[in-house]
Every structure is written in C-alpha cells, then in structure tokens.
C-alpha atoms as a PDB file:
ATOM      1  CA  MET A   1     -40.035 -62.852 -33.793  1.00  0.00           C
ATOM      2  CA  PRO A   2     -36.175 -62.870 -33.071  1.00  0.00           C
ATOM      3  CA  THR A   3     -33.684 -60.688 -34.718  1.00  0.00           C
ATOM      4  CA  SER A   4     -30.522 -61.783 -36.480  1.00  0.00           C
ATOM      5  CA  GLY A   5     -28.904 -61.686 -33.034  1.00  0.00           C
ATOM      6  CA  GLY A   6     -31.777 -63.692 -31.355  1.00  0.00           C
ATOM      7  CA  THR A   7     -32.956 -61.170 -28.907  1.00  0.00           C
ATOM      8  CA  PRO A   8     -36.386 -60.279 -29.334  1.00  0.00           C
ATOM      9  CA  GLY A   9     -36.352 -57.127 -27.712  1.00  0.00           C
ATOM     10  CA  SER A  10     -36.303 -58.318 -24.016  1.00  0.00           C
ATOM     11  CA  THR A  11     -36.785 -55.559 -21.726  1.00  0.00           C
ATOM     12  CA  ASP A  12     -33.957 -56.460 -19.532  1.00  0.00           C
ATOM     13  CA  ASP A  13     -31.016 -57.620 -21.294  1.00  0.00           C
ATOM     14  CA  ALA A  14     -29.478 -58.491 -17.950  1.00  0.00           C
ATOM     15  CA  ALA A  15     -31.417 -61.405 -18.036  1.00  0.00           C
ATOM     16  CA  SER A  16     -30.510 -62.955 -21.225  1.00  0.00           C
ATOM     17  CA  LEU A  17     -28.460 -66.042 -21.551  1.00  0.00           C
ATOM     18  CA  SER A  18     -25.768 -64.275 -23.611  1.00  0.00           C
ATOM     19  CA  THR A  19     -25.210 -61.568 -21.090  1.00  0.00           C
ATOM     20  CA  PHE A  20     -25.299 -64.127 -18.050  1.00  0.00           C
ATOM     21  CA  ILE A  21     -22.479 -66.205 -19.865  1.00  0.00           C
ATOM     22  CA  ARG A  22     -20.599 -62.898 -20.623  1.00  0.00           C
ATOM     23  CA  ASP A  23     -20.822 -61.876 -16.762  1.00  0.00           C
ATOM     24  CA  TYR A  24     -19.816 -65.161 -15.629  1.00  0.00           C
ATOM     25  CA  LEU A  25     -16.677 -65.495 -17.853  1.00  0.00           C
ATOM     26  CA  ALA A  26     -15.852 -62.030 -17.011  1.00  0.00           C
ATOM     27  CA  GLU A  27     -16.193 -62.626 -13.105  1.00  0.00           C
ATOM     28  CA  ARG A  28     -14.192 -65.441 -13.267  1.00  0.00           C
ATOM     29  CA  ASP A  29     -11.585 -64.270 -15.782  1.00  0.00           C
ATOM     30  CA  GLU A  30     -12.138 -67.284 -17.580  1.00  0.00           C
ATOM     31  CA  SER A  31     -11.908 -68.169 -21.179  1.00  0.00           C
ATOM     32  CA  GLU A  32     -14.473 -69.408 -23.630  1.00  0.00           C
ATOM     33  CA  ARG A  33     -12.417 -72.271 -24.176  1.00  0.00           C
ATOM     34  CA  ALA A  34     -11.983 -73.281 -20.384  1.00  0.00           C
ATOM     35  CA  LEU A  35     -15.765 -73.064 -20.257  1.00  0.00           C
ATOM     36  CA  ALA A  36     -16.070 -75.236 -23.327  1.00  0.00           C
ATOM     37  CA  ARG A  37     -13.663 -78.015 -22.105  1.00  0.00           C
ATOM     38  CA  ARG A  38     -16.053 -78.643 -19.101  1.00  0.00           C
ATOM     39  CA  ALA A  39     -19.309 -78.068 -21.185  1.00  0.00           C
ATOM     40  CA  ILE A  40     -20.450 -81.944 -21.571  1.00  0.00           C
ATOM     41  CA  ASP A  41     -24.064 -82.753 -21.346  1.00  0.00           C
ATOM     42  CA  PRO A  42     -24.389 -85.410 -18.925  1.00  0.00           C
ATOM     43  CA  GLU A  43     -27.463 -87.090 -20.707  1.00  0.00           C
ATOM     44  CA  THR A  44     -25.878 -87.384 -24.476  1.00  0.00           C
ATOM     45  CA  GLY A  45     -22.278 -86.886 -23.798  1.00  0.00           C
ATOM     46  CA  PHE A  46     -22.144 -84.216 -26.431  1.00  0.00           C
ATOM     47  CA  THR A  47     -19.733 -81.354 -25.822  1.00  0.00           C
ATOM     48  CA  LEU A  48     -19.609 -77.416 -26.413  1.00  0.00           C
ATOM     49  CA  GLN A  49     -17.255 -76.116 -28.993  1.00  0.00           C
ATOM     50  CA  HIS A  50     -15.724 -72.676 -27.856  1.00  0.00           C
ATOM     51  CA  GLY A  51     -16.767 -71.052 -31.107  1.00  0.00           C
ATOM     52  CA  TRP A  52     -20.324 -71.573 -30.245  1.00  0.00           C
ATOM     53  CA  ILE A  53     -20.068 -70.078 -26.845  1.00  0.00           C
ATOM     54  CA  ASN A  54     -18.360 -67.241 -28.466  1.00  0.00           C
ATOM     55  CA  GLN A  55     -21.234 -67.007 -30.816  1.00  0.00           C
ATOM     56  CA  LEU A  56     -23.458 -66.927 -28.098  1.00  0.00           C
ATOM     57  CA  VAL A  57     -21.686 -64.511 -25.791  1.00  0.00           C
ATOM     58  CA  MET A  58     -21.565 -62.183 -28.890  1.00  0.00           C
ATOM     59  CA  GLY A  59     -25.576 -62.549 -29.430  1.00  0.00           C
ATOM     60  CA  ARG A  60     -25.056 -64.038 -32.866  1.00  0.00           C
ATOM     61  CA  VAL A  61     -26.734 -67.314 -31.839  1.00  0.00           C
ATOM     62  CA  SER A  62     -29.947 -66.852 -34.056  1.00  0.00           C
ATOM     63  CA  ARG A  63     -32.369 -69.290 -32.240  1.00  0.00           C
ATOM     64  CA  ALA A  64     -32.559 -70.586 -28.675  1.00  0.00           C
ATOM     65  CA  PRO A  65     -30.026 -73.412 -27.817  1.00  0.00           C
ATOM     66  CA  GLU A  66     -30.906 -77.015 -27.731  1.00  0.00           C
ATOM     67  CA  LEU A  67     -31.577 -78.450 -24.386  1.00  0.00           C
ATOM     68  CA  TRP A  68     -28.675 -80.655 -24.688  1.00  0.00           C
ATOM     69  CA  ARG A  69     -26.395 -77.272 -25.010  1.00  0.00           C
ATOM     70  CA  LEU A  70     -28.162 -75.643 -21.981  1.00  0.00           C
ATOM     71  CA  ARG A  71     -27.561 -78.882 -19.707  1.00  0.00           C
ATOM     72  CA  ALA A  72     -23.684 -78.659 -20.946  1.00  0.00           C
ATOM     73  CA  LEU A  73     -23.495 -75.075 -19.857  1.00  0.00           C
ATOM     74  CA  ALA A  74     -25.184 -75.611 -16.553  1.00  0.00           C
ATOM     75  CA  VAL A  75     -22.862 -78.623 -15.846  1.00  0.00           C
ATOM     76  CA  ALA A  76     -19.748 -76.405 -16.784  1.00  0.00           C
ATOM     77  CA  MET A  77     -20.934 -73.367 -15.091  1.00  0.00           C
ATOM     78  CA  GLY A  78     -22.324 -75.306 -11.585  1.00  0.00           C
ATOM     79  CA  VAL A  79     -25.940 -73.965 -12.400  1.00  0.00           C
ATOM     80  CA  PRO A  80     -29.099 -75.380 -12.769  1.00  0.00           C
ATOM     81  CA  ALA A  81     -30.366 -76.030 -16.404  1.00  0.00           C
ATOM     82  CA  GLU A  82     -33.872 -74.819 -15.677  1.00  0.00           C
ATOM     83  CA  MET A  83     -32.011 -71.119 -14.848  1.00  0.00           C
ATOM     84  CA  LEU A  84     -30.311 -71.226 -18.124  1.00  0.00           C
ATOM     85  CA  ALA A  85     -33.669 -72.296 -19.900  1.00  0.00           C
ATOM     86  CA  GLU A  86     -35.507 -69.359 -18.316  1.00  0.00           C
ATOM     87  CA  LEU A  87     -32.797 -67.100 -19.489  1.00  0.00           C
ATOM     88  CA  ALA A  88     -33.012 -68.645 -23.053  1.00  0.00           C
ATOM     89  CA  ALA A  89     -36.718 -68.095 -22.846  1.00  0.00           C
ATOM     90  CA  ALA A  90     -36.078 -64.278 -22.050  1.00  0.00           C
ATOM     91  CA  GLN A  91     -33.788 -63.812 -24.851  1.00  0.00           C
ATOM     92  CA  TRP A  92     -35.494 -65.572 -27.571  1.00  0.00           C
ATOM     93  CA  LEU A  93     -39.251 -65.684 -26.616  1.00  0.00           C
ATOM     94  CA  GLY A  94     -39.268 -62.329 -24.785  1.00  0.00           C
ATOM     95  CA  VAL A  95     -40.422 -63.591 -21.194  1.00  0.00           C
ATOM     96  CA  ASP A  96     -39.676 -61.216 -18.768  1.00  0.00           C
ATOM     97  CA  VAL A  97     -37.258 -62.852 -16.236  1.00  0.00           C
ATOM     98  CA  ALA A  98     -35.330 -61.037 -13.466  1.00  0.00           C
ATOM     99  CA  ARG A  99     -32.150 -61.848 -11.617  1.00  0.00           C
ATOM    100  CA  VAL A 100     -32.647 -62.323  -7.891  1.00  0.00           C
ATOM    101  CA  ARG A 101     -29.312 -62.463  -5.918  1.00  0.00           C
ATOM    102  CA  THR A 102     -29.391 -65.119  -3.105  1.00  0.00           C
ATOM    103  CA  GLY A 103     -26.084 -64.254  -1.572  1.00  0.00           C
ATOM    104  CA  GLY A 104     -22.738 -65.601  -2.183  1.00  0.00           C
ATOM    105  CA  GLY A 105     -22.570 -64.332  -5.606  1.00  0.00           C
ATOM    106  CA  ASP A 106     -25.437 -66.930  -6.494  1.00  0.00           C
ATOM    107  CA  TRP A 107     -28.624 -65.863  -8.303  1.00  0.00           C
ATOM    108  CA  VAL A 108     -31.950 -67.387  -9.456  1.00  0.00           C
ATOM    109  CA  ALA A 109     -34.186 -66.477 -12.423  1.00  0.00           C
ATOM    110  CA  VAL A 110     -37.723 -65.540 -11.521  1.00  0.00           C
ATOM    111  CA  SER A 111     -40.305 -64.902 -14.171  1.00  0.00           C
ATOM    112  CA  VAL A 112     -41.935 -61.798 -13.789  1.00  0.00           C
ATOM    113  CA  PRO A 113     -45.642 -61.832 -14.658  1.00  0.00           C
ATOM    114  CA  PRO A 114     -46.740 -60.165 -17.678  1.00  0.00           C
ATOM    115  CA  GLY A 115     -48.418 -56.621 -17.616  1.00  0.00           C
ATOM    116  CA  LEU A 116     -46.824 -55.341 -14.550  1.00  0.00           C
ATOM    117  CA  SER A 117     -45.918 -51.421 -14.411  1.00  0.00           C
ATOM    118  CA  PRO A 118     -42.274 -50.637 -14.112  1.00  0.00           C
ATOM    119  CA  GLU A 119     -43.116 -49.768 -10.284  1.00  0.00           C
ATOM    120  CA  GLU A 120     -45.060 -53.000  -9.941  1.00  0.00           C
ATOM    121  CA  ARG A 121     -42.228 -55.074 -11.627  1.00  0.00           C
ATOM    122  CA  GLU A 122     -39.487 -53.353  -9.567  1.00  0.00           C
ATOM    123  CA  ARG A 123     -41.777 -54.367  -6.173  1.00  0.00           C
ATOM    124  CA  PHE A 124     -42.181 -57.846  -7.465  1.00  0.00           C
ATOM    125  CA  VAL A 125     -38.258 -57.994  -7.690  1.00  0.00           C
ATOM    126  CA  ARG A 126     -37.562 -56.731  -4.361  1.00  0.00           C
ATOM    127  CA  MET A 127     -39.980 -59.349  -2.837  1.00  0.00           C
ATOM    128  CA  ALA A 128     -38.382 -61.905  -4.544  1.00  0.00           C
ATOM    129  CA  GLU A 129     -34.923 -60.696  -3.448  1.00  0.00           C
ATOM    130  CA  ASP A 130     -36.363 -60.519   0.285  1.00  0.00           C
ATOM    131  CA  ILE A 131     -37.606 -64.098  -0.171  1.00  0.00           C
ATOM    132  CA  ALA A 132     -34.164 -65.407  -1.652  1.00  0.00           C
ATOM    133  CA  ARG A 133     -32.338 -63.728   1.098  1.00  0.00           C
ATOM    134  CA  HIS A 134     -34.274 -65.457   3.683  1.00  0.00           C
ATOM    135  CA  ILE A 135     -33.998 -68.625   2.298  1.00  0.00           C
ATOM    136  CA  ALA A 136     -30.046 -68.470   2.180  1.00  0.00           C
ATOM    137  CA  THR A 137     -29.650 -67.658   5.761  1.00  0.00           C
END
C-alpha cells in the first residue's frame, strides 16, 4: 500500500519516477515550468501544470499518474512513455526497476526479476549494462 508520498518502499529510490524527473531537471538546469510548457499529451492534447510536476518531484503525488500524464512527460523529456511507466510501477507498485545507461547520457529501465539476492541483482544489472553498451555502439 503506497504511503502518502506515493512510494511503497521501493528498494531502489533511483528507479522512481519522482527521482528521475528531479534528476532530469537538475542535469539540464531546467525549471518545472519549462518542462510543463512542453508537456502535452499527443493523444488527448491535455497539458501538465508545473504545480503537478512540482508535487511529483517532491514525492507528494499519492497515486500513479494517469497514462496521459506519462505520455505528456515523455514528449516533454524526449524519452519513451514506457520507460516512465516502468518508473511509475517501481514507485507506486514496488516493482524493482534498474536504470541501465546506454551511453551519451541516455538510459533504459530494466525490470529486475523478483527474488534475486543483492549479489544476483547486481550481476543482472551489470549484464543489462553490457548489453546496452553493445547495442549503443
């Protein structure tokens, strides 16, 4: 059951949607308002408000975002909506998702099989990173 901040105690906070958005903004020195201006769902035309993005970044959104919100964020950030959906699943459903860098600052989300020991999880993530580096070259 999610807490008031929307995070059910994910084992890897780095794999949460809130953290990803916060990191994205920090790495680009971009404001929530600037991101919101570009956040338009291509299917519905709905737009995100910077206040909602702020609540998401601060971990104050109490339930997983609707699909249209994820699509709007994806368009604004230039990332696949599926990746944001996996991060939302990590944050609100407790699914273990690992970030795997592909090079050039890009990354993909990889679902980690449940029940792995910490060592097995680390090995799984390293293998995924090796595959991603191979594909990126």
